[in-house]
Amino acid sequence: MGAKTRELINVLNQIETLLQEDKQNHWLKLISSANKSIKNSDYSGIETLLSYFGGMGSFNDLIIGQTQKNGKFEWKKNDRENNDKLHELRLAAYELSIYISHHH
């Protein structure tokens, strides 16, 4: 397992923690499954992970740390930072996955 793959696994572990804390069970299940494949040196985990990016309703569209109140979205207490962190980690995961897919 290469350094970029280990880095990707670390990023995905952090994403899983944020998703679990925000109770985003749908995406948690998908990211965890891809991460498990990658940990087992199964390249299909990279392909699966890349399929989650782009298009309507994709992982790119997920916003955490919000709740809906009276038809309006509001930030949960101090969770805007978690959403910013998710954005950074999501970008890192995508870039690492692209790198790995080109050097596989």
C-alpha atoms as a PDB file:
ATOM      1  CA  MET A   1       0.000   0.000   0.000  1.00  0.00           C
ATOM      2  CA  GLY A   2       1.430   3.337  -1.067  1.00  0.00           C
ATOM      3  CA  ALA A   3       1.720   6.598   0.846  1.00  0.00           C
ATOM      4  CA  LYS A   4      -1.138   8.232  -1.094  1.00  0.00           C
ATOM      5  CA  THR A   5      -3.422   5.304  -0.311  1.00  0.00           C
ATOM      6  CA  ARG A   6      -2.573   5.514   3.394  1.00  0.00           C
ATOM      7  CA  GLU A   7      -3.234   9.265   3.247  1.00  0.00           C
ATOM      8  CA  LEU A   8      -6.602   8.638   1.571  1.00  0.00           C
ATOM      9  CA  ILE A   9      -7.563   6.117   4.254  1.00  0.00           C
ATOM     10  CA  ASN A  10      -6.722   8.690   6.935  1.00  0.00           C
ATOM     11  CA  VAL A  11      -8.866  11.309   5.178  1.00  0.00           C
ATOM     12  CA  LEU A  12     -11.759   8.866   4.824  1.00  0.00           C
ATOM     13  CA  ASN A  13     -11.507   7.953   8.514  1.00  0.00           C
ATOM     14  CA  GLN A  14     -11.875  11.647   9.377  1.00  0.00           C
ATOM     15  CA  ILE A  15     -14.840  11.985   7.006  1.00  0.00           C
ATOM     16  CA  GLU A  16     -16.476   8.978   8.645  1.00  0.00           C
ATOM     17  CA  THR A  17     -16.121  10.629  12.063  1.00  0.00           C
ATOM     18  CA  LEU A  18     -17.800  13.834  10.858  1.00  0.00           C
ATOM     19  CA  LEU A  19     -20.609  11.905   9.178  1.00  0.00           C
ATOM     20  CA  GLN A  20     -21.172   9.805  12.271  1.00  0.00           C
ATOM     21  CA  GLU A  21     -21.290  12.871  14.523  1.00  0.00           C
ATOM     22  CA  ASP A  22     -23.873  14.509  12.223  1.00  0.00           C
ATOM     23  CA  LYS A  23     -25.879  11.271  11.902  1.00  0.00           C
ATOM     24  CA  GLN A  24     -25.461  11.185   8.124  1.00  0.00           C
ATOM     25  CA  ASN A  25     -26.004   7.435   8.012  1.00  0.00           C
ATOM     26  CA  HIS A  26     -26.548   7.134   4.248  1.00  0.00           C
ATOM     27  CA  TRP A  27     -23.213   8.703   3.339  1.00  0.00           C
ATOM     28  CA  LEU A  28     -21.470   7.124   6.320  1.00  0.00           C
ATOM     29  CA  LYS A  29     -22.412   3.660   5.057  1.00  0.00           C
ATOM     30  CA  LEU A  30     -21.215   4.415   1.522  1.00  0.00           C
ATOM     31  CA  ILE A  31     -17.933   6.065   2.527  1.00  0.00           C
ATOM     32  CA  SER A  32     -17.209   3.332   5.087  1.00  0.00           C
ATOM     33  CA  SER A  33     -17.766   0.625   2.497  1.00  0.00           C
ATOM     34  CA  ALA A  34     -15.414   2.265  -0.009  1.00  0.00           C
ATOM     35  CA  ASN A  35     -12.846   2.842   2.744  1.00  0.00           C
ATOM     36  CA  LYS A  36     -13.017  -0.811   3.779  1.00  0.00           C
ATOM     37  CA  SER A  37     -12.335  -1.903   0.202  1.00  0.00           C
ATOM     38  CA  ILE A  38      -9.393   0.470  -0.050  1.00  0.00           C
ATOM     39  CA  LYS A  39      -7.989  -0.792   3.272  1.00  0.00           C
ATOM     40  CA  ASN A  40      -8.197  -4.317   1.832  1.00  0.00           C
ATOM     41  CA  SER A  41      -6.191  -3.199  -1.239  1.00  0.00           C
ATOM     42  CA  ASP A  42      -9.293  -3.591  -3.417  1.00  0.00           C
ATOM     43  CA  TYR A  43      -9.003  -0.983  -6.194  1.00  0.00           C
ATOM     44  CA  SER A  44     -12.773  -1.024  -6.745  1.00  0.00           C
ATOM     45  CA  GLY A  45     -13.013   1.094  -3.572  1.00  0.00           C
ATOM     46  CA  ILE A  46     -11.304   3.949  -5.448  1.00  0.00           C
ATOM     47  CA  GLU A  47     -13.683   3.615  -8.390  1.00  0.00           C
ATOM     48  CA  THR A  48     -16.661   3.479  -6.039  1.00  0.00           C
ATOM     49  CA  LEU A  49     -15.468   6.520  -4.108  1.00  0.00           C
ATOM     50  CA  LEU A  50     -14.987   8.516  -7.310  1.00  0.00           C
ATOM     51  CA  SER A  51     -18.538   7.653  -8.377  1.00  0.00           C
ATOM     52  CA  TYR A  52     -19.849   9.569  -5.345  1.00  0.00           C
ATOM     53  CA  PHE A  53     -18.564  12.890  -6.698  1.00  0.00           C
ATOM     54  CA  GLY A  54     -20.418  15.015  -9.244  1.00  0.00           C
ATOM     55  CA  GLY A  55     -24.015  15.262 -10.318  1.00  0.00           C
ATOM     56  CA  MET A  56     -27.147  16.146  -8.395  1.00  0.00           C
ATOM     57  CA  GLY A  57     -27.404  14.586  -4.968  1.00  0.00           C
ATOM     58  CA  SER A  58     -23.751  13.620  -4.953  1.00  0.00           C
ATOM     59  CA  PHE A  59     -21.410  13.641  -1.980  1.00  0.00           C
ATOM     60  CA  ASN A  60     -20.315  17.114  -3.136  1.00  0.00           C
ATOM     61  CA  ASP A  61     -23.797  18.424  -2.341  1.00  0.00           C
ATOM     62  CA  LEU A  62     -23.857  17.236   1.267  1.00  0.00           C
ATOM     63  CA  ILE A  63     -23.976  19.980   3.886  1.00  0.00           C
ATOM     64  CA  ILE A  64     -23.631  18.923   7.496  1.00  0.00           C
ATOM     65  CA  GLY A  65     -24.309  20.871  10.664  1.00  0.00           C
ATOM     66  CA  GLN A  66     -27.671  22.270   9.660  1.00  0.00           C
ATOM     67  CA  THR A  67     -31.188  21.721  10.800  1.00  0.00           C
ATOM     68  CA  GLN A  68     -34.448  22.843   9.261  1.00  0.00           C
ATOM     69  CA  LYS A  69     -36.658  25.043  11.427  1.00  0.00           C
ATOM     70  CA  ASN A  70     -39.891  26.626  10.159  1.00  0.00           C
ATOM     71  CA  GLY A  71     -38.888  25.868   6.576  1.00  0.00           C
ATOM     72  CA  LYS A  72     -35.482  27.535   6.891  1.00  0.00           C
ATOM     73  CA  PHE A  73     -32.050  26.020   7.313  1.00  0.00           C
ATOM     74  CA  GLU A  74     -30.142  27.034  10.423  1.00  0.00           C
ATOM     75  CA  TRP A  75     -26.662  26.101  11.575  1.00  0.00           C
ATOM     76  CA  LYS A  76     -26.502  23.867  14.596  1.00  0.00           C
ATOM     77  CA  LYS A  77     -24.371  25.260  17.395  1.00  0.00           C
ATOM     78  CA  ASN A  78     -20.720  25.565  16.233  1.00  0.00           C
ATOM     79  CA  ASP A  79     -21.209  23.163  13.317  1.00  0.00           C
ATOM     80  CA  ARG A  80     -20.303  25.532  10.496  1.00  0.00           C
ATOM     81  CA  GLU A  81     -16.663  24.622  11.241  1.00  0.00           C
ATOM     82  CA  ASN A  82     -17.453  20.926  10.788  1.00  0.00           C
ATOM     83  CA  ASN A  83     -19.003  21.637   7.412  1.00  0.00           C
ATOM     84  CA  ASP A  84     -15.896  23.576   6.381  1.00  0.00           C
ATOM     85  CA  LYS A  85     -13.759  20.648   7.559  1.00  0.00           C
ATOM     86  CA  LEU A  86     -15.891  18.214   5.567  1.00  0.00           C
ATOM     87  CA  HIS A  87     -15.403  20.377   2.483  1.00  0.00           C
ATOM     88  CA  GLU A  88     -11.604  20.282   2.899  1.00  0.00           C
ATOM     89  CA  LEU A  89     -11.548  16.537   3.540  1.00  0.00           C
ATOM     90  CA  ARG A  90     -13.901  15.820   0.639  1.00  0.00           C
ATOM     91  CA  LEU A  91     -11.622  17.777  -1.715  1.00  0.00           C
ATOM     92  CA  ALA A  92      -8.566  15.908  -0.400  1.00  0.00           C
ATOM     93  CA  ALA A  93     -10.330  12.546  -0.830  1.00  0.00           C
ATOM     94  CA  TYR A  94     -11.272  13.390  -4.403  1.00  0.00           C
ATOM     95  CA  GLU A  95      -7.786  14.592  -5.345  1.00  0.00           C
ATOM     96  CA  LEU A  96      -6.111  11.578  -3.738  1.00  0.00           C
ATOM     97  CA  SER A  97      -8.537   9.203  -5.465  1.00  0.00           C
ATOM     98  CA  ILE A  98      -7.839  10.814  -8.833  1.00  0.00           C
ATOM     99  CA  TYR A  99      -4.091  10.568  -8.214  1.00  0.00           C
ATOM    100  CA  ILE A 100      -4.340   6.909  -7.226  1.00  0.00           C
ATOM    101  CA  SER A 101      -6.585   6.087 -10.205  1.00  0.00           C
ATOM    102  CA  HIS A 102      -4.028   7.610 -12.591  1.00  0.00           C
ATOM    103  CA  HIS A 103      -1.106   5.765 -10.996  1.00  0.00           C
ATOM    104  CA  HIS A 104      -2.773   2.389 -10.507  1.00  0.00           C
END
